[in-house]
C-alpha atoms as a PDB file:
ATOM      1  CA  MET A   1      34.106  22.370   7.740  1.00  0.00           C
ATOM      2  CA  SER A   2      30.541  21.984   5.431  1.00  0.00           C
ATOM      3  CA  LEU A   3      27.423  23.525   5.715  1.00  0.00           C
ATOM      4  CA  VAL A   4      26.125  20.286   5.773  1.00  0.00           C
ATOM      5  CA  PHE A   5      28.159  18.793   8.498  1.00  0.00           C
ATOM      6  CA  ARG A   6      27.952  21.482  10.813  1.00  0.00           C
ATOM      7  CA  LYS A   7      23.897  21.306  10.383  1.00  0.00           C
ATOM      8  CA  ALA A   8      24.233  17.889  11.587  1.00  0.00           C
ATOM      9  CA  ILE A   9      26.396  18.503  14.372  1.00  0.00           C
ATOM     10  CA  SER A  10      23.648  20.655  15.419  1.00  0.00           C
ATOM     11  CA  LEU A  11      21.266  18.706  14.999  1.00  0.00           C
ATOM     12  CA  PHE A  12      23.114  15.565  17.271  1.00  0.00           C
ATOM     13  CA  ARG A  13      23.220  18.206  19.568  1.00  0.00           C
ATOM     14  CA  VAL A  14      19.682  18.673  19.606  1.00  0.00           C
ATOM     15  CA  MET A  15      19.194  14.867  19.665  1.00  0.00           C
ATOM     16  CA  GLY A  16      21.801  14.462  22.283  1.00  0.00           C
ATOM     17  CA  THR A  17      19.407  14.678  25.192  1.00  0.00           C
ATOM     18  CA  SER A  18      16.424  13.216  23.383  1.00  0.00           C
ATOM     19  CA  TYR A  19      17.971  10.045  22.507  1.00  0.00           C
ATOM     20  CA  CYS A  20      18.766   9.339  25.942  1.00  0.00           C
ATOM     21  CA  ALA A  21      15.013   9.660  26.522  1.00  0.00           C
ATOM     22  CA  SER A  22      13.444   8.349  23.955  1.00  0.00           C
ATOM     23  CA  ASN A  23      15.454   4.931  24.332  1.00  0.00           C
ATOM     24  CA  ARG A  24      14.540   4.219  28.190  1.00  0.00           C
ATOM     25  CA  PRO A  25      12.661   1.042  28.570  1.00  0.00           C
ATOM     26  CA  PRO A  26       9.149   1.645  28.336  1.00  0.00           C
ATOM     27  CA  GLN A  27       6.992   1.981  31.746  1.00  0.00           C
ATOM     28  CA  ALA A  28       5.944  -1.691  33.106  1.00  0.00           C
ATOM     29  CA  THR A  29       2.357   0.074  32.284  1.00  0.00           C
ATOM     30  CA  ALA A  30       3.108   1.271  28.790  1.00  0.00           C
ATOM     31  CA  CYS A  31       1.438  -1.405  26.307  1.00  0.00           C
ATOM     32  CA  ASN A  32      -0.231  -1.054  22.694  1.00  0.00           C
ATOM     33  CA  GLY A  33      -3.802  -1.231  22.134  1.00  0.00           C
ATOM     34  CA  SER A  34      -3.788  -5.080  22.600  1.00  0.00           C
ATOM     35  CA  GLY A  35      -2.030  -5.306  25.883  1.00  0.00           C
ATOM     36  CA  MET A  36       0.916  -6.122  24.365  1.00  0.00           C
ATOM     37  CA  SER A  37       4.114  -5.220  26.025  1.00  0.00           C
ATOM     38  CA  LYS A  38       7.082  -4.041  24.005  1.00  0.00           C
ATOM     39  CA  SER A  39       9.201  -7.528  24.720  1.00  0.00           C
ATOM     40  CA  ASN A  40       6.376  -9.300  23.110  1.00  0.00           C
ATOM     41  CA  ASN A  41       6.567  -7.109  19.998  1.00  0.00           C
ATOM     42  CA  VAL A  42      10.065  -7.715  19.916  1.00  0.00           C
ATOM     43  CA  TYR A  43       9.322 -11.694  20.133  1.00  0.00           C
ATOM     44  CA  LYS A  44       6.712 -11.620  17.439  1.00  0.00           C
ATOM     45  CA  ASP A  45       9.018  -9.403  15.119  1.00  0.00           C
ATOM     46  CA  ALA A  46      11.936 -11.998  15.518  1.00  0.00           C
ATOM     47  CA  TYR A  47       9.230 -15.026  15.012  1.00  0.00           C
ATOM     48  CA  ASN A  48       8.194 -13.508  11.526  1.00  0.00           C
ATOM     49  CA  ARG A  49      12.024 -13.046  10.682  1.00  0.00           C
ATOM     50  CA  CYS A  50      12.750 -16.804  11.791  1.00  0.00           C
ATOM     51  CA  LEU A  51       9.473 -18.140   9.415  1.00  0.00           C
ATOM     52  CA  ARG A  52      11.194 -16.415   6.751  1.00  0.00           C
ATOM     53  CA  LEU A  53      14.167 -18.757   7.212  1.00  0.00           C
ATOM     54  CA  LEU A  54      12.266 -21.931   6.865  1.00  0.00           C
ATOM     55  CA  ASP A  55      11.754 -21.360   3.032  1.00  0.00           C
ATOM     56  CA  GLU A  56      15.200 -20.901   2.674  1.00  0.00           C
ATOM     57  CA  THR A  57      16.619 -24.039   4.772  1.00  0.00           C
ATOM     58  CA  ARG A  58      15.623 -27.944   5.732  1.00  0.00           C
ATOM     59  CA  SER A  59      17.063 -26.970   9.281  1.00  0.00           C
ATOM     60  CA  LEU A  60      17.911 -24.218  11.522  1.00  0.00           C
ATOM     61  CA  PRO A  61      21.274 -23.632  13.080  1.00  0.00           C
ATOM     62  CA  SER A  62      21.767 -23.575  16.872  1.00  0.00           C
ATOM     63  CA  GLU A  63      20.652 -21.483  19.104  1.00  0.00           C
ATOM     64  CA  PRO A  64      22.994 -18.934  19.818  1.00  0.00           C
ATOM     65  CA  GLU A  65      23.786 -18.897  15.965  1.00  0.00           C
ATOM     66  CA  LEU A  66      19.706 -17.851  15.380  1.00  0.00           C
ATOM     67  CA  GLY A  67      20.277 -15.457  18.614  1.00  0.00           C
ATOM     68  CA  THR A  68      22.658 -13.598  16.201  1.00  0.00           C
ATOM     69  CA  LEU A  69      20.777 -13.710  13.646  1.00  0.00           C
ATOM     70  CA  LEU A  70      17.428 -12.303  14.633  1.00  0.00           C
ATOM     71  CA  GLY A  71      19.360 -10.307  17.153  1.00  0.00           C
ATOM     72  CA  VAL A  72      17.243 -11.419  20.340  1.00  0.00           C
ATOM     73  CA  SER A  73      18.274 -13.783  23.470  1.00  0.00           C
ATOM     74  CA  ARG A  74      18.351 -17.419  23.897  1.00  0.00           C
ATOM     75  CA  THR A  75      15.456 -17.437  25.889  1.00  0.00           C
ATOM     76  CA  THR A  76      13.240 -15.354  22.796  1.00  0.00           C
ATOM     77  CA  VAL A  77      14.912 -17.827  20.463  1.00  0.00           C
ATOM     78  CA  ARG A  78      13.317 -20.967  22.601  1.00  0.00           C
ATOM     79  CA  THR A  79      10.388 -19.587  22.717  1.00  0.00           C
ATOM     80  CA  ILE A  80      10.367 -19.168  19.314  1.00  0.00           C
ATOM     81  CA  LEU A  81      11.372 -22.761  18.632  1.00  0.00           C
ATOM     82  CA  ALA A  82       8.770 -23.838  20.908  1.00  0.00           C
ATOM     83  CA  ARG A  83       5.943 -21.975  18.858  1.00  0.00           C
ATOM     84  CA  MET A  84       7.249 -23.549  15.750  1.00  0.00           C
ATOM     85  CA  GLU A  85       7.171 -26.917  17.114  1.00  0.00           C
ATOM     86  CA  GLU A  86       3.729 -26.668  18.222  1.00  0.00           C
ATOM     87  CA  THR A  87       2.176 -25.440  15.009  1.00  0.00           C
ATOM     88  CA  GLY A  88       3.961 -28.139  13.196  1.00  0.00           C
ATOM     89  CA  LEU A  89       6.167 -26.199  11.300  1.00  0.00           C
ATOM     90  CA  ILE A  90       9.701 -27.856  12.609  1.00  0.00           C
ATOM     91  CA  ALA A  91      11.039 -31.258  14.552  1.00  0.00           C
ATOM     92  CA  TRP A  92      12.701 -29.979  17.658  1.00  0.00           C
ATOM     93  CA  ASN A  93      14.546 -32.569  19.179  1.00  0.00           C
ATOM     94  CA  LYS A  94      17.589 -31.231  21.166  1.00  0.00           C
ATOM     95  CA  ARG A  95      20.394 -29.830  18.726  1.00  0.00           C
ATOM     96  CA  ALA A  96      18.367 -30.862  15.681  1.00  0.00           C
ATOM     97  CA  LYS A  97      15.751 -28.782  14.307  1.00  0.00           C
ATOM     98  CA  THR A  98      14.298 -30.408  10.813  1.00  0.00           C
ATOM     99  CA  VAL A  99      11.994 -28.167   9.075  1.00  0.00           C
ATOM    100  CA  LEU A 100       8.736 -29.886   8.114  1.00  0.00           C
ATOM    101  CA  ARG A 101       6.288 -27.271   6.070  1.00  0.00           C
ATOM    102  CA  GLU A 102       6.554 -24.199   4.619  1.00  0.00           C
ATOM    103  CA  PRO A 103       5.092 -21.268   6.533  1.00  0.00           C
ATOM    104  CA  ARG A 104       1.314 -20.249   5.748  1.00  0.00           C
ATOM    105  CA  PRO A 105       0.675 -16.532   5.604  1.00  0.00           C
ATOM    106  CA  ASP A 106      -1.877 -17.301   8.787  1.00  0.00           C
ATOM    107  CA  ASP A 107       1.382 -18.420  10.512  1.00  0.00           C
ATOM    108  CA  PHE A 108       2.820 -14.978  10.730  1.00  0.00           C
ATOM    109  CA  PHE A 109       1.890 -12.088  13.288  1.00  0.00           C
ATOM    110  CA  PRO A 110       0.124  -9.308  11.747  1.00  0.00           C
ATOM    111  CA  GLU A 111       2.601  -6.580  11.233  1.00  0.00           C
ATOM    112  CA  GLU A 112       0.822  -3.990  13.551  1.00  0.00           C
ATOM    113  CA  GLU A 113       2.070  -6.485  16.299  1.00  0.00           C
ATOM    114  CA  THR A 114       5.383  -6.566  15.606  1.00  0.00           C
ATOM    115  CA  ASP A 115       6.255  -2.953  15.825  1.00  0.00           C
ATOM    116  CA  THR A 116       8.302  -1.197  18.506  1.00  0.00           C
ATOM    117  CA  LEU A 117       6.470   1.004  20.815  1.00  0.00           C
ATOM    118  CA  ALA A 118       7.914   4.041  19.077  1.00  0.00           C
ATOM    119  CA  GLU A 119       6.929   3.163  15.751  1.00  0.00           C
ATOM    120  CA  ILE A 120       3.167   2.586  17.586  1.00  0.00           C
ATOM    121  CA  ILE A 121       3.218   5.905  19.211  1.00  0.00           C
ATOM    122  CA  GLU A 122       4.624   7.532  15.987  1.00  0.00           C
ATOM    123  CA  ARG A 123       2.048   6.651  13.831  1.00  0.00           C
ATOM    124  CA  SER A 124      -0.805   6.907  15.926  1.00  0.00           C
ATOM    125  CA  PHE A 125       0.252  10.792  16.634  1.00  0.00           C
ATOM    126  CA  MET A 126       0.745  11.365  12.815  1.00  0.00           C
ATOM    127  CA  ARG A 127      -2.843   9.900  12.086  1.00  0.00           C
ATOM    128  CA  ARG A 128      -3.712  12.370  14.658  1.00  0.00           C
ATOM    129  CA  LEU A 129      -1.857  15.024  12.621  1.00  0.00           C
ATOM    130  CA  LEU A 130      -3.545  14.482   9.419  1.00  0.00           C
ATOM    131  CA  ALA A 131      -6.717  14.033  10.752  1.00  0.00           C
ATOM    132  CA  GLY A 132      -6.252  17.416  11.876  1.00  0.00           C
ATOM    133  CA  GLY A 133      -4.832  18.748   8.861  1.00  0.00           C
ATOM    134  CA  ALA A 134      -1.749  19.277  10.333  1.00  0.00           C
ATOM    135  CA  GLU A 135      -2.341  22.876  10.395  1.00  0.00           C
ATOM    136  CA  ALA A 136       0.349  25.255  13.050  1.00  0.00           C
ATOM    137  CA  GLY A 137      -1.834  25.966  15.990  1.00  0.00           C
ATOM    138  CA  MET A 138      -3.595  21.960  16.377  1.00  0.00           C
ATOM    139  CA  GLN A 139      -3.840  21.525  19.904  1.00  0.00           C
ATOM    140  CA  ILE A 140      -2.513  18.076  20.806  1.00  0.00           C
ATOM    141  CA  ASN A 141      -3.254  16.609  24.534  1.00  0.00           C
ATOM    142  CA  GLU A 142      -1.124  13.672  25.393  1.00  0.00           C
ATOM    143  CA  LEU A 143      -3.656  11.918  27.672  1.00  0.00           C
ATOM    144  CA  GLU A 144      -5.865  11.820  24.831  1.00  0.00           C
ATOM    145  CA  LEU A 145      -3.433  10.588  22.692  1.00  0.00           C
ATOM    146  CA  ALA A 146      -2.083   8.212  25.357  1.00  0.00           C
ATOM    147  CA  ARG A 147      -5.284   6.539  25.837  1.00  0.00           C
ATOM    148  CA  GLU A 148      -6.167   6.573  22.055  1.00  0.00           C
ATOM    149  CA  ILE A 149      -3.172   4.211  21.662  1.00  0.00           C
ATOM    150  CA  GLY A 150      -3.203   2.186  24.881  1.00  0.00           C
ATOM    151  CA  VAL A 151       0.174   3.334  25.857  1.00  0.00           C
ATOM    152  CA  GLY A 152       1.755   5.051  29.354  1.00  0.00           C
ATOM    153  CA  THR A 153       1.448   8.930  29.168  1.00  0.00           C
ATOM    154  CA  THR A 154       5.095   8.594  30.133  1.00  0.00           C
ATOM    155  CA  SER A 155       6.142   6.912  26.725  1.00  0.00           C
ATOM    156  CA  VAL A 156       3.785   9.745  24.960  1.00  0.00           C
ATOM    157  CA  ARG A 157       5.462  12.423  27.064  1.00  0.00           C
ATOM    158  CA  GLU A 158       8.931  11.488  26.011  1.00  0.00           C
ATOM    159  CA  PHE A 159       8.146  10.903  22.478  1.00  0.00           C
ATOM    160  CA  LEU A 160       6.318  14.544  21.985  1.00  0.00           C
ATOM    161  CA  ILE A 161       9.453  16.150  23.621  1.00  0.00           C
ATOM    162  CA  ARG A 162      11.503  14.547  20.991  1.00  0.00           C
ATOM    163  CA  PHE A 163       9.934  16.602  18.586  1.00  0.00           C
ATOM    164  CA  SER A 164       9.807  19.751  20.794  1.00  0.00           C
ATOM    165  CA  ARG A 165      13.870  19.957  20.433  1.00  0.00           C
ATOM    166  CA  PHE A 166      13.463  20.214  16.701  1.00  0.00           C
ATOM    167  CA  GLY A 167      10.720  22.987  17.093  1.00  0.00           C
ATOM    168  CA  LEU A 168       7.913  21.326  15.957  1.00  0.00           C
ATOM    169  CA  ILE A 169       5.992  21.513  18.868  1.00  0.00           C
ATOM    170  CA  GLU A 170       5.559  23.393  21.980  1.00  0.00           C
ATOM    171  CA  LYS A 171       4.424  22.575  25.599  1.00  0.00           C
ATOM    172  CA  ARG A 172       1.320  24.174  26.601  1.00  0.00           C
ATOM    173  CA  ARG A 173      -0.286  24.002  30.335  1.00  0.00           C
ATOM    174  CA  ASN A 174      -2.197  20.644  31.320  1.00  0.00           C
ATOM    175  CA  SER A 175      -0.774  17.915  29.065  1.00  0.00           C
ATOM    176  CA  HIS A 176      -1.132  20.380  26.372  1.00  0.00           C
ATOM    177  CA  TRP A 177       0.866  20.745  23.315  1.00  0.00           C
ATOM    178  CA  VAL A 178       0.928  23.094  20.217  1.00  0.00           C
ATOM    179  CA  LEU A 179       1.450  22.523  16.575  1.00  0.00           C
ATOM    180  CA  LYS A 180       4.339  25.203  15.483  1.00  0.00           C
ATOM    181  CA  GLY A 181       4.244  24.355  11.663  1.00  0.00           C
ATOM    182  CA  PHE A 182       6.787  24.040   8.805  1.00  0.00           C
ATOM    183  CA  THR A 183       8.809  26.332   7.406  1.00  0.00           C
ATOM    184  CA  ARG A 184      10.665  25.630   3.846  1.00  0.00           C
ATOM    185  CA  ALA A 185      14.038  26.712   5.100  1.00  0.00           C
ATOM    186  CA  PHE A 186      13.327  23.955   7.935  1.00  0.00           C
ATOM    187  CA  ALA A 187      12.520  21.623   5.486  1.00  0.00           C
ATOM    188  CA  LEU A 188      15.482  22.275   2.946  1.00  0.00           C
ATOM    189  CA  GLU A 189      17.999  22.043   6.016  1.00  0.00           C
ATOM    190  CA  LEU A 190      15.886  18.382   6.834  1.00  0.00           C
ATOM    191  CA  THR A 191      16.651  17.323   3.171  1.00  0.00           C
ATOM    192  CA  GLU A 192      20.339  18.328   3.216  1.00  0.00           C
ATOM    193  CA  ILE A 193      20.650  16.281   6.327  1.00  0.00           C
ATOM    194  CA  ARG A 194      18.146  13.045   4.834  1.00  0.00           C
ATOM    195  CA  GLU A 195      20.042  12.959   1.817  1.00  0.00           C
ATOM    196  CA  MET A 196      23.890  12.346   3.568  1.00  0.00           C
ATOM    197  CA  PHE A 197      22.247  10.282   5.765  1.00  0.00           C
ATOM    198  CA  GLU A 198      20.371   8.076   3.506  1.00  0.00           C
ATOM    199  CA  LEU A 199      23.333   7.504   1.173  1.00  0.00           C
ATOM    200  CA  ARG A 200      25.387   6.365   3.759  1.00  0.00           C
ATOM    201  CA  SER A 201      22.459   3.903   5.185  1.00  0.00           C
ATOM    202  CA  ALA A 202      21.775   2.540   1.409  1.00  0.00           C
ATOM    203  CA  ALA A 203      25.454   1.988   0.651  1.00  0.00           C
ATOM    204  CA  ALA A 204      25.463   0.223   4.281  1.00  0.00           C
ATOM    205  CA  PHE A 205      22.479  -1.656   3.008  1.00  0.00           C
ATOM    206  CA  ALA A 206      23.611  -3.099  -0.394  1.00  0.00           C
ATOM    207  CA  ALA A 207      26.942  -4.277   1.406  1.00  0.00           C
ATOM    208  CA  LEU A 208      24.874  -6.836   4.145  1.00  0.00           C
ATOM    209  CA  PRO A 209      25.363 -10.832   3.987  1.00  0.00           C
ATOM    210  CA  GLN A 210      22.791 -12.623   1.622  1.00  0.00           C
ATOM    211  CA  ASP A 211      22.027 -14.518   4.455  1.00  0.00           C
ATOM    212  CA  SER A 212      20.684 -11.534   7.299  1.00  0.00           C
ATOM    213  CA  ALA A 213      17.146 -11.271   7.435  1.00  0.00           C
ATOM    214  CA  VAL A 214      16.414  -7.861   5.794  1.00  0.00           C
ATOM    215  CA  TRP A 215      16.636  -9.390   2.139  1.00  0.00           C
ATOM    216  CA  ALA A 216      13.201 -11.192   3.144  1.00  0.00           C
ATOM    217  CA  ASP A 217      11.737  -7.642   4.746  1.00  0.00           C
ATOM    218  CA  LEU A 218      12.600  -6.546   1.352  1.00  0.00           C
ATOM    219  CA  ASP A 219      11.201  -9.065  -0.740  1.00  0.00           C
ATOM    220  CA  ARG A 220       7.763  -8.527   1.253  1.00  0.00           C
ATOM    221  CA  LEU A 221       8.085  -4.640   0.530  1.00  0.00           C
ATOM    222  CA  GLU A 222       8.605  -5.196  -3.530  1.00  0.00           C
ATOM    223  CA  ASP A 223       5.672  -7.307  -3.518  1.00  0.00           C
ATOM    224  CA  GLU A 224       3.511  -4.848  -1.406  1.00  0.00           C
ATOM    225  CA  HIS A 225       4.196  -1.721  -4.045  1.00  0.00           C
ATOM    226  CA  ARG A 226       3.563  -4.174  -6.488  1.00  0.00           C
ATOM    227  CA  GLN A 227       0.277  -4.840  -5.225  1.00  0.00           C
ATOM    228  CA  LEU A 228      -0.233  -1.353  -4.254  1.00  0.00           C
ATOM    229  CA  ALA A 229       0.953  -0.131  -7.806  1.00  0.00           C
ATOM    230  CA  SER A 230      -1.690  -3.103  -9.736  1.00  0.00           C
ATOM    231  CA  GLU A 231      -4.893  -0.952  -6.950  1.00  0.00           C
ATOM    232  CA  ILE A 232      -3.662   2.385  -6.821  1.00  0.00           C
ATOM    233  CA  ALA A 233      -6.503   3.846  -8.396  1.00  0.00           C
ATOM    234  CA  LYS A 234      -8.476   2.819  -5.007  1.00  0.00           C
ATOM    235  CA  ARG A 235      -5.496   2.605  -2.512  1.00  0.00           C
ATOM    236  CA  PHE A 236      -2.921   5.570  -3.453  1.00  0.00           C
ATOM    237  CA  ASN A 237      -3.372   7.233   0.206  1.00  0.00           C
ATOM    238  CA  GLU A 238      -2.093   4.100   1.899  1.00  0.00           C
ATOM    239  CA  PHE A 239       1.511   5.052   0.274  1.00  0.00           C
ATOM    240  CA  SER A 240       2.846   7.184   3.081  1.00  0.00           C
ATOM    241  CA  GLU A 241       3.203   4.513   5.685  1.00  0.00           C
ATOM    242  CA  LEU A 242       4.731   2.139   2.893  1.00  0.00           C
ATOM    243  CA  ASP A 243       6.986   4.718   2.103  1.00  0.00           C
ATOM    244  CA  GLU A 244       8.095   4.699   5.979  1.00  0.00           C
ATOM    245  CA  ARG A 245       8.663   1.115   5.891  1.00  0.00           C
ATOM    246  CA  LEU A 246      11.058   1.167   3.120  1.00  0.00           C
ATOM    247  CA  HIS A 247      13.233   4.426   4.117  1.00  0.00           C
ATOM    248  CA  ARG A 248      13.042   2.768   8.083  1.00  0.00           C
ATOM    249  CA  LEU A 249      14.556  -0.487   6.852  1.00  0.00           C
ATOM    250  CA  ILE A 250      17.169   0.684   4.922  1.00  0.00           C
ATOM    251  CA  HIS A 251      17.984   3.218   8.035  1.00  0.00           C
ATOM    252  CA  ARG A 252      18.382   0.543  10.464  1.00  0.00           C
ATOM    253  CA  ALA A 253      21.560  -0.863   8.140  1.00  0.00           C
ATOM    254  CA  SER A 254      23.143   1.791   8.989  1.00  0.00           C
ATOM    255  CA  HIS A 255      23.647   0.647  12.357  1.00  0.00           C
ATOM    256  CA  ASN A 256      24.421   3.872  13.528  1.00  0.00           C
ATOM    257  CA  ARG A 257      21.819   5.041  16.651  1.00  0.00           C
ATOM    258  CA  PHE A 258      22.226   8.544  15.627  1.00  0.00           C
ATOM    259  CA  ILE A 259      20.579   8.187  12.132  1.00  0.00           C
ATOM    260  CA  VAL A 260      18.414   5.270  12.889  1.00  0.00           C
ATOM    261  CA  ASP A 261      16.743   7.897  15.776  1.00  0.00           C
ATOM    262  CA  PHE A 262      17.029  10.954  13.755  1.00  0.00           C
ATOM    263  CA  TYR A 263      14.697   9.131  11.338  1.00  0.00           C
ATOM    264  CA  ASP A 264      12.097   9.625  13.259  1.00  0.00           C
ATOM    265  CA  VAL A 265      11.682  13.331  12.468  1.00  0.00           C
ATOM    266  CA  ILE A 266      12.471  12.427   9.202  1.00  0.00           C
ATOM    267  CA  ALA A 267       9.683  10.659   8.944  1.00  0.00           C
ATOM    268  CA  MET A 268       7.127  12.731  10.090  1.00  0.00           C
ATOM    269  CA  ILE A 269       8.350  15.380   7.906  1.00  0.00           C
ATOM    270  CA  PHE A 270       9.216  13.324   4.598  1.00  0.00           C
ATOM    271  CA  HIS A 271       7.036   9.944   4.802  1.00  0.00           C
ATOM    272  CA  TYR A 272       3.380  12.232   5.382  1.00  0.00           C
ATOM    273  CA  HIS A 273       3.658  15.276   3.765  1.00  0.00           C
ATOM    274  CA  TYR A 274       2.219  13.241   0.579  1.00  0.00           C
ATOM    275  CA  GLN A 275      -1.247  13.893   2.601  1.00  0.00           C
ATOM    276  CA  TRP A 276      -0.821  17.568   3.483  1.00  0.00           C
ATOM    277  CA  ASN A 277      -1.044  18.533  -0.033  1.00  0.00           C
ATOM    278  CA  LYS A 278      -4.437  16.455  -1.566  1.00  0.00           C
ATOM    279  CA  ALA A 279      -3.450  17.867  -5.311  1.00  0.00           C
ATOM    280  CA  GLN A 280      -2.494  15.211  -7.674  1.00  0.00           C
ATOM    281  CA  GLU A 281      -1.780  12.856  -4.899  1.00  0.00           C
ATOM    282  CA  ARG A 282      -2.688   9.935  -6.848  1.00  0.00           C
ATOM    283  CA  GLU A 283      -0.095  10.864  -9.851  1.00  0.00           C
ATOM    284  CA  ARG A 284       2.488  11.809  -7.007  1.00  0.00           C
ATOM    285  CA  ASN A 285       2.461   8.470  -5.124  1.00  0.00           C
ATOM    286  CA  GLU A 286       2.281   6.607  -8.243  1.00  0.00           C
ATOM    287  CA  VAL A 287       5.418   8.065  -9.418  1.00  0.00           C
ATOM    288  CA  ALA A 288       6.916   7.297  -5.993  1.00  0.00           C
ATOM    289  CA  ILE A 289       5.925   3.808  -6.043  1.00  0.00           C
ATOM    290  CA  GLY A 290       8.173   3.646  -9.170  1.00  0.00           C
ATOM    291  CA  GLU A 291      10.754   4.717  -8.222  1.00  0.00           C
ATOM    292  CA  HIS A 292      10.792   2.675  -4.948  1.00  0.00           C
ATOM    293  CA  LEU A 293      10.527  -0.099  -6.925  1.00  0.00           C
ATOM    294  CA  VAL A 294      13.935   0.959  -8.955  1.00  0.00           C
ATOM    295  CA  TYR A 295      15.798   1.876  -5.861  1.00  0.00           C
ATOM    296  CA  ILE A 296      14.714  -1.817  -4.379  1.00  0.00           C
ATOM    297  CA  GLU A 297      16.058  -3.240  -7.682  1.00  0.00           C
ATOM    298  CA  ALA A 298      19.058  -1.246  -7.284  1.00  0.00           C
ATOM    299  CA  LEU A 299      19.496  -2.787  -3.788  1.00  0.00           C
ATOM    300  CA  LYS A 300      18.801  -6.031  -4.378  1.00  0.00           C
ATOM    301  CA  SER A 301      21.734  -5.738  -7.264  1.00  0.00           C
ATOM    302  CA  ARG A 302      24.278  -4.687  -4.495  1.00  0.00           C
ATOM    303  CA  ASP A 303      25.704  -2.457  -7.504  1.00  0.00           C
ATOM    304  CA  LEU A 304      27.031   0.603  -5.796  1.00  0.00           C
ATOM    305  CA  GLY A 305      26.847   2.757  -8.405  1.00  0.00           C
ATOM    306  CA  LYS A 306      23.386   2.011  -9.203  1.00  0.00           C
ATOM    307  CA  VAL A 307      22.096   2.323  -5.534  1.00  0.00           C
ATOM    308  CA  ASP A 308      23.679   5.554  -4.968  1.00  0.00           C
ATOM    309  CA  ALA A 309      21.971   6.827  -8.468  1.00  0.00           C
ATOM    310  CA  ALA A 310      18.674   5.301  -7.823  1.00  0.00           C
ATOM    311  CA  CYS A 311      18.973   6.855  -4.183  1.00  0.00           C
ATOM    312  CA  ARG A 312      20.092  10.632  -5.352  1.00  0.00           C
ATOM    313  CA  LYS A 313      17.004  10.311  -8.027  1.00  0.00           C
ATOM    314  CA  HIS A 314      14.277   9.330  -4.929  1.00  0.00           C
ATOM    315  CA  LEU A 315      15.524  11.653  -2.442  1.00  0.00           C
ATOM    316  CA  LYS A 316      15.305  14.584  -5.293  1.00  0.00           C
ATOM    317  CA  SER A 317      11.896  13.920  -6.139  1.00  0.00           C
ATOM    318  CA  ALA A 318      11.307  13.693  -2.552  1.00  0.00           C
ATOM    319  CA  ARG A 319      12.814  16.927  -1.849  1.00  0.00           C
ATOM    320  CA  GLN A 320      10.745  18.965  -4.549  1.00  0.00           C
ATOM    321  CA  THR A 321       7.789  17.030  -3.635  1.00  0.00           C
ATOM    322  CA  LEU A 322       7.698  18.347   0.021  1.00  0.00           C
ATOM    323  CA  LEU A 323       8.774  21.652  -0.859  1.00  0.00           C
ATOM    324  CA  THR A 324       5.271  21.918  -3.679  1.00  0.00           C
ATOM    325  CA  SER A 325       3.487  20.976  -0.514  1.00  0.00           C
ATOM    326  CA  ILE A 326       4.774  23.672   1.840  1.00  0.00           C
ATOM    327  CA  PRO A 327       3.042  27.317   0.807  1.00  0.00           C
ATOM    328  CA  GLU A 328       6.079  29.729   1.198  1.00  0.00           C
ATOM    329  CA  SER A 329       4.110  31.647   3.608  1.00  0.00           C
ATOM    330  CA  ARG A 330       4.162  29.093   5.639  1.00  0.00           C
ATOM    331  CA  SER A 331       5.843  29.982   9.186  1.00  0.00           C
ATOM    332  CA  PRO A 332       6.247  28.661  12.653  1.00  0.00           C
ATOM    333  CA  GLN A 333       3.239  29.530  15.021  1.00  0.00           C
ATOM    334  CA  LYS A 334       4.015  32.613  17.481  1.00  0.00           C
ATOM    335  CA  SER A 335       4.147  31.362  21.270  1.00  0.00           C
END
């Protein structure tokens, strides 16, 4: 049994308990800052993806087909169709759903309203860490974090428990947590697992059918990368969230719940490390954007050889950048 495979099994054991907790339905009181329930976020995400279908067809398929395509219930599909009819996007007459016009930018829900509850909590958690410098010993209060995000404390506590399984944070009394810090050894182990998972996910992504909604998502991410590259001088610090969104999209193509779940700890370490070390931040982000564009082009080509090469090159660069950002002397905070 290879060393990497043994490490993967070890991590899966750690994740077993946390997966069950992280995938429980949220409490009825859990909502985002706008009072939006998780089900509404799912609806808005599906609605945005359905809007992109209007660019490619003159009529929409049946409700069951739309439900399968978007991964939502028929009730949600009907809600989507009703809104599209109300806004003049389609004419809906029983089975006939004729496209009347192309969607405009203001037809789409804002992206922050389409995030899952876990994504909302993760991003807010990472912003708080970065604001505090992500140093070992940093204090995290789950009650304050829940109020800041506008979600129930149970959801925040379960999120923090997931990361405590990896030894990254530690529970203290009175709803307090302590960031323990990141070692180079931990980072090296994480890169090995990440590379194994992402290579598989990238190959699965390239094999997705042409009518999959992820290709429209990839097109939009490509446009955002090009826009950021053209304004890199003043927007280079926005790269980390764009990086996270691209890799999350790729990992989801695996349709493997362990890989998707493991992505959260990957995001915490990899996709925010660009902001830990501010030295040459613009140059590093500019290089990474270029690698992403090559990676996206390879995915769209569906050439598995190109996908593998682009993925390996980018992950190698990410590994080196991560290791550079973590001093040799950094070690976990003592209890």
